[in-house]
Amino acid sequence: MKKSSKFSPEVRERAVRLVFEHQGEHESQWAAIGSIASKMGCAAETLRKWVRQAECDQGQRTGLSSSERERLKERLHRHFLRNLLGPPSLQKEQKIGDEYCLQPPAVPIANVALIATFLRSTGPDPTRGRDLAPQ
């Protein structure tokens, strides 16, 4: 899910281009960023991040390009869903309102009982002040 941005991609590209074009007229790149950010109506730190990402995209700076970052984000999202929801055979769809949502598989009650038995049999936890397991 993408966040909505206050600035369109065209405005971002223009601001970054202006920084690259006018950084020679300022003491430092940060001074150019501050000057242009105030004229564009954005925070200097926001424009600095856009400039750094543009430098990565152009190969001028080490780091992930925008396309690599997007692919990584998608892979992490799929990995998270696969580990959270389990294999597709265990996934169930549940209708909530007008949308279908994936529901994580229920943990069998036998597993909960086994975990509770294990916790009781291990004795008091030395990292806690007192044992909360029933006697």
C-alpha atoms as a PDB file:
ATOM      1  CA  MET A   1       0.000   0.000   0.000  1.00  0.00           C
ATOM      2  CA  LYS A   2       1.545   3.257  -1.127  1.00  0.00           C
ATOM      3  CA  LYS A   3       1.301   6.463   0.813  1.00  0.00           C
ATOM      4  CA  SER A   4      -0.251   9.359  -1.009  1.00  0.00           C
ATOM      5  CA  SER A   5       2.267  12.098  -1.619  1.00  0.00           C
ATOM      6  CA  LYS A   6       1.749  15.812  -1.313  1.00  0.00           C
ATOM      7  CA  PHE A   7       4.018  16.311  -4.319  1.00  0.00           C
ATOM      8  CA  SER A   8       3.498  14.824  -7.766  1.00  0.00           C
ATOM      9  CA  PRO A   9       6.330  12.884  -9.446  1.00  0.00           C
ATOM     10  CA  GLU A  10       6.744  15.757 -11.910  1.00  0.00           C
ATOM     11  CA  VAL A  11       7.320  18.252  -9.081  1.00  0.00           C
ATOM     12  CA  ARG A  12       9.828  15.889  -7.467  1.00  0.00           C
ATOM     13  CA  GLU A  13      11.736  15.439 -10.732  1.00  0.00           C
ATOM     14  CA  ARG A  14      11.788  19.190 -11.340  1.00  0.00           C
ATOM     15  CA  ALA A  15      13.067  19.929  -7.829  1.00  0.00           C
ATOM     16  CA  VAL A  16      15.829  17.313  -8.137  1.00  0.00           C
ATOM     17  CA  ARG A  17      16.805  18.625 -11.571  1.00  0.00           C
ATOM     18  CA  LEU A  18      17.007  22.164 -10.184  1.00  0.00           C
ATOM     19  CA  VAL A  19      19.325  20.992  -7.400  1.00  0.00           C
ATOM     20  CA  PHE A  20      21.647  19.312  -9.910  1.00  0.00           C
ATOM     21  CA  GLU A  21      21.612  22.363 -12.190  1.00  0.00           C
ATOM     22  CA  HIS A  22      22.169  25.001  -9.474  1.00  0.00           C
ATOM     23  CA  GLN A  23      24.415  23.293  -6.936  1.00  0.00           C
ATOM     24  CA  GLY A  24      27.456  24.972  -8.518  1.00  0.00           C
ATOM     25  CA  GLU A  25      26.024  28.381  -7.615  1.00  0.00           C
ATOM     26  CA  HIS A  26      25.957  27.520  -3.878  1.00  0.00           C
ATOM     27  CA  GLU A  27      28.620  26.679  -1.301  1.00  0.00           C
ATOM     28  CA  SER A  28      27.411  23.111  -0.987  1.00  0.00           C
ATOM     29  CA  GLN A  29      24.739  20.786  -2.255  1.00  0.00           C
ATOM     30  CA  TRP A  30      22.912  21.205   1.070  1.00  0.00           C
ATOM     31  CA  ALA A  31      22.787  24.983   0.533  1.00  0.00           C
ATOM     32  CA  ALA A  32      21.295  24.426  -2.931  1.00  0.00           C
ATOM     33  CA  ILE A  33      18.790  21.961  -1.492  1.00  0.00           C
ATOM     34  CA  GLY A  34      17.746  24.420   1.218  1.00  0.00           C
ATOM     35  CA  SER A  35      17.297  27.247  -1.271  1.00  0.00           C
ATOM     36  CA  ILE A  36      15.293  25.215  -3.777  1.00  0.00           C
ATOM     37  CA  ALA A  37      13.200  23.473  -1.095  1.00  0.00           C
ATOM     38  CA  SER A  38      11.992  26.815   0.263  1.00  0.00           C
ATOM     39  CA  LYS A  39      10.972  27.892  -3.245  1.00  0.00           C
ATOM     40  CA  MET A  40       9.208  24.575  -3.966  1.00  0.00           C
ATOM     41  CA  GLY A  41       7.368  24.554  -0.632  1.00  0.00           C
ATOM     42  CA  CYS A  42       8.830  21.321   0.728  1.00  0.00           C
ATOM     43  CA  ALA A  43      11.132  20.515   3.615  1.00  0.00           C
ATOM     44  CA  ALA A  44      14.852  20.529   2.867  1.00  0.00           C
ATOM     45  CA  GLU A  45      15.235  17.018   4.307  1.00  0.00           C
ATOM     46  CA  THR A  46      12.498  15.741   1.986  1.00  0.00           C
ATOM     47  CA  LEU A  47      14.254  17.200  -1.054  1.00  0.00           C
ATOM     48  CA  ARG A  48      17.598  15.813   0.170  1.00  0.00           C
ATOM     49  CA  LYS A  49      16.081  12.314   0.234  1.00  0.00           C
ATOM     50  CA  TRP A  50      14.742  12.773  -3.298  1.00  0.00           C
ATOM     51  CA  VAL A  51      18.184  13.912  -4.474  1.00  0.00           C
ATOM     52  CA  ARG A  52      19.924  10.945  -2.801  1.00  0.00           C
ATOM     53  CA  GLN A  53      17.478   8.509  -4.422  1.00  0.00           C
ATOM     54  CA  ALA A  54      17.987  10.161  -7.826  1.00  0.00           C
ATOM     55  CA  GLU A  55      21.764   9.825  -7.374  1.00  0.00           C
ATOM     56  CA  CYS A  56      21.321   6.093  -6.607  1.00  0.00           C
ATOM     57  CA  ASP A  57      19.059   5.695  -9.661  1.00  0.00           C
ATOM     58  CA  GLN A  58      21.702   7.365 -11.883  1.00  0.00           C
ATOM     59  CA  GLY A  59      24.536   5.278 -10.427  1.00  0.00           C
ATOM     60  CA  GLN A  60      26.307   8.284  -8.875  1.00  0.00           C
ATOM     61  CA  ARG A  61      25.836   6.935  -5.343  1.00  0.00           C
ATOM     62  CA  THR A  62      25.845   3.424  -3.933  1.00  0.00           C
ATOM     63  CA  GLY A  63      22.514   2.061  -2.790  1.00  0.00           C
ATOM     64  CA  LEU A  64      19.357   0.520  -4.158  1.00  0.00           C
ATOM     65  CA  SER A  65      17.762   2.101  -7.203  1.00  0.00           C
ATOM     66  CA  SER A  66      14.043   2.803  -7.082  1.00  0.00           C
ATOM     67  CA  SER A  67      13.215  -0.285  -9.142  1.00  0.00           C
ATOM     68  CA  GLU A  68      15.436  -2.508  -6.967  1.00  0.00           C
ATOM     69  CA  ARG A  69      13.881  -1.034  -3.828  1.00  0.00           C
ATOM     70  CA  GLU A  70      10.377  -1.744  -5.190  1.00  0.00           C
ATOM     71  CA  ARG A  71      11.290  -5.363  -6.070  1.00  0.00           C
ATOM     72  CA  LEU A  72      12.789  -5.892  -2.613  1.00  0.00           C
ATOM     73  CA  LYS A  73       9.703  -4.448  -0.962  1.00  0.00           C
ATOM     74  CA  GLU A  74       7.465  -6.798  -2.985  1.00  0.00           C
ATOM     75  CA  ARG A  75       9.605  -9.844  -2.121  1.00  0.00           C
ATOM     76  CA  LEU A  76       9.560  -8.961   1.584  1.00  0.00           C
ATOM     77  CA  HIS A  77       5.796  -8.498   1.450  1.00  0.00           C
ATOM     78  CA  ARG A  78       5.290 -11.925  -0.187  1.00  0.00           C
ATOM     79  CA  HIS A  79       7.709 -13.530   2.301  1.00  0.00           C
ATOM     80  CA  PHE A  80       5.876 -11.941   5.236  1.00  0.00           C
ATOM     81  CA  LEU A  81       2.471 -13.080   3.972  1.00  0.00           C
ATOM     82  CA  ARG A  82       3.716 -16.606   3.275  1.00  0.00           C
ATOM     83  CA  ASN A  83       5.167 -16.917   6.786  1.00  0.00           C
ATOM     84  CA  LEU A  84       2.204 -15.249   8.466  1.00  0.00           C
ATOM     85  CA  LEU A  85      -0.541 -17.084   6.638  1.00  0.00           C
ATOM     86  CA  GLY A  86       1.176 -20.397   5.977  1.00  0.00           C
ATOM     87  CA  PRO A  87       0.961 -22.347   2.739  1.00  0.00           C
ATOM     88  CA  PRO A  88      -1.834 -21.419   0.311  1.00  0.00           C
ATOM     89  CA  SER A  89      -3.680 -24.650   1.152  1.00  0.00           C
ATOM     90  CA  LEU A  90      -4.238 -23.369   4.719  1.00  0.00           C
ATOM     91  CA  GLN A  91      -5.269 -19.853   3.731  1.00  0.00           C
ATOM     92  CA  LYS A  92      -8.958 -19.011   3.929  1.00  0.00           C
ATOM     93  CA  GLU A  93     -10.767 -16.054   2.497  1.00  0.00           C
ATOM     94  CA  GLN A  94     -13.185 -14.217   4.695  1.00  0.00           C
ATOM     95  CA  LYS A  95     -15.605 -11.653   3.368  1.00  0.00           C
ATOM     96  CA  ILE A  96     -15.460  -8.421   5.339  1.00  0.00           C
ATOM     97  CA  GLY A  97     -17.802  -5.798   3.981  1.00  0.00           C
ATOM     98  CA  ASP A  98     -17.373  -5.737   0.212  1.00  0.00           C
ATOM     99  CA  GLU A  99     -13.826  -7.124   0.203  1.00  0.00           C
ATOM    100  CA  TYR A 100     -12.350 -10.565   0.614  1.00  0.00           C
ATOM    101  CA  CYS A 101      -9.475 -10.718   3.104  1.00  0.00           C
ATOM    102  CA  LEU A 102      -7.072 -13.543   3.812  1.00  0.00           C
ATOM    103  CA  GLN A 103      -7.459 -14.975   7.272  1.00  0.00           C
ATOM    104  CA  PRO A 104      -4.494 -16.631   9.022  1.00  0.00           C
ATOM    105  CA  PRO A 105      -5.003 -20.305   9.867  1.00  0.00           C
ATOM    106  CA  ALA A 106      -6.168 -21.056  13.376  1.00  0.00           C
ATOM    107  CA  VAL A 107      -3.677 -22.635  15.774  1.00  0.00           C
ATOM    108  CA  PRO A 108      -4.977 -26.053  16.834  1.00  0.00           C
ATOM    109  CA  ILE A 109      -5.919 -26.150  20.526  1.00  0.00           C
ATOM    110  CA  ALA A 110      -3.627 -29.163  20.985  1.00  0.00           C
ATOM    111  CA  ASN A 111      -0.633 -26.956  20.115  1.00  0.00           C
ATOM    112  CA  VAL A 112      -1.702 -24.387  22.698  1.00  0.00           C
ATOM    113  CA  ALA A 113      -2.007 -27.138  25.337  1.00  0.00           C
ATOM    114  CA  LEU A 114       1.455 -28.488  24.450  1.00  0.00           C
ATOM    115  CA  ILE A 115       2.999 -25.036  24.742  1.00  0.00           C
ATOM    116  CA  ALA A 116       1.341 -24.445  28.131  1.00  0.00           C
ATOM    117  CA  THR A 117       2.531 -27.855  29.377  1.00  0.00           C
ATOM    118  CA  PHE A 118       6.066 -27.103  28.249  1.00  0.00           C
ATOM    119  CA  LEU A 119       6.067 -23.728  29.997  1.00  0.00           C
ATOM    120  CA  ARG A 120       4.823 -25.284  33.253  1.00  0.00           C
ATOM    121  CA  SER A 121       7.403 -28.099  33.110  1.00  0.00           C
ATOM    122  CA  THR A 122      10.392 -25.788  32.577  1.00  0.00           C
ATOM    123  CA  GLY A 123       9.995 -24.201  35.995  1.00  0.00           C
ATOM    124  CA  PRO A 124      10.374 -20.562  36.902  1.00  0.00           C
ATOM    125  CA  ASP A 125      11.845 -18.206  34.344  1.00  0.00           C
ATOM    126  CA  PRO A 126      15.050 -16.641  35.763  1.00  0.00           C
ATOM    127  CA  THR A 127      14.544 -13.528  33.629  1.00  0.00           C
ATOM    128  CA  ARG A 128      11.255 -12.703  35.368  1.00  0.00           C
ATOM    129  CA  GLY A 129      10.825 -11.643  38.968  1.00  0.00           C
ATOM    130  CA  ARG A 130       8.361 -14.417  39.750  1.00  0.00           C
ATOM    131  CA  ASP A 131       6.857 -17.456  38.122  1.00  0.00           C
ATOM    132  CA  LEU A 132       3.417 -16.838  36.637  1.00  0.00           C
ATOM    133  CA  ALA A 133       2.707 -20.487  35.812  1.00  0.00           C
ATOM    134  CA  PRO A 134       0.012 -22.116  37.967  1.00  0.00           C
ATOM    135  CA  GLN A 135       1.240 -24.516  40.651  1.00  0.00           C
END
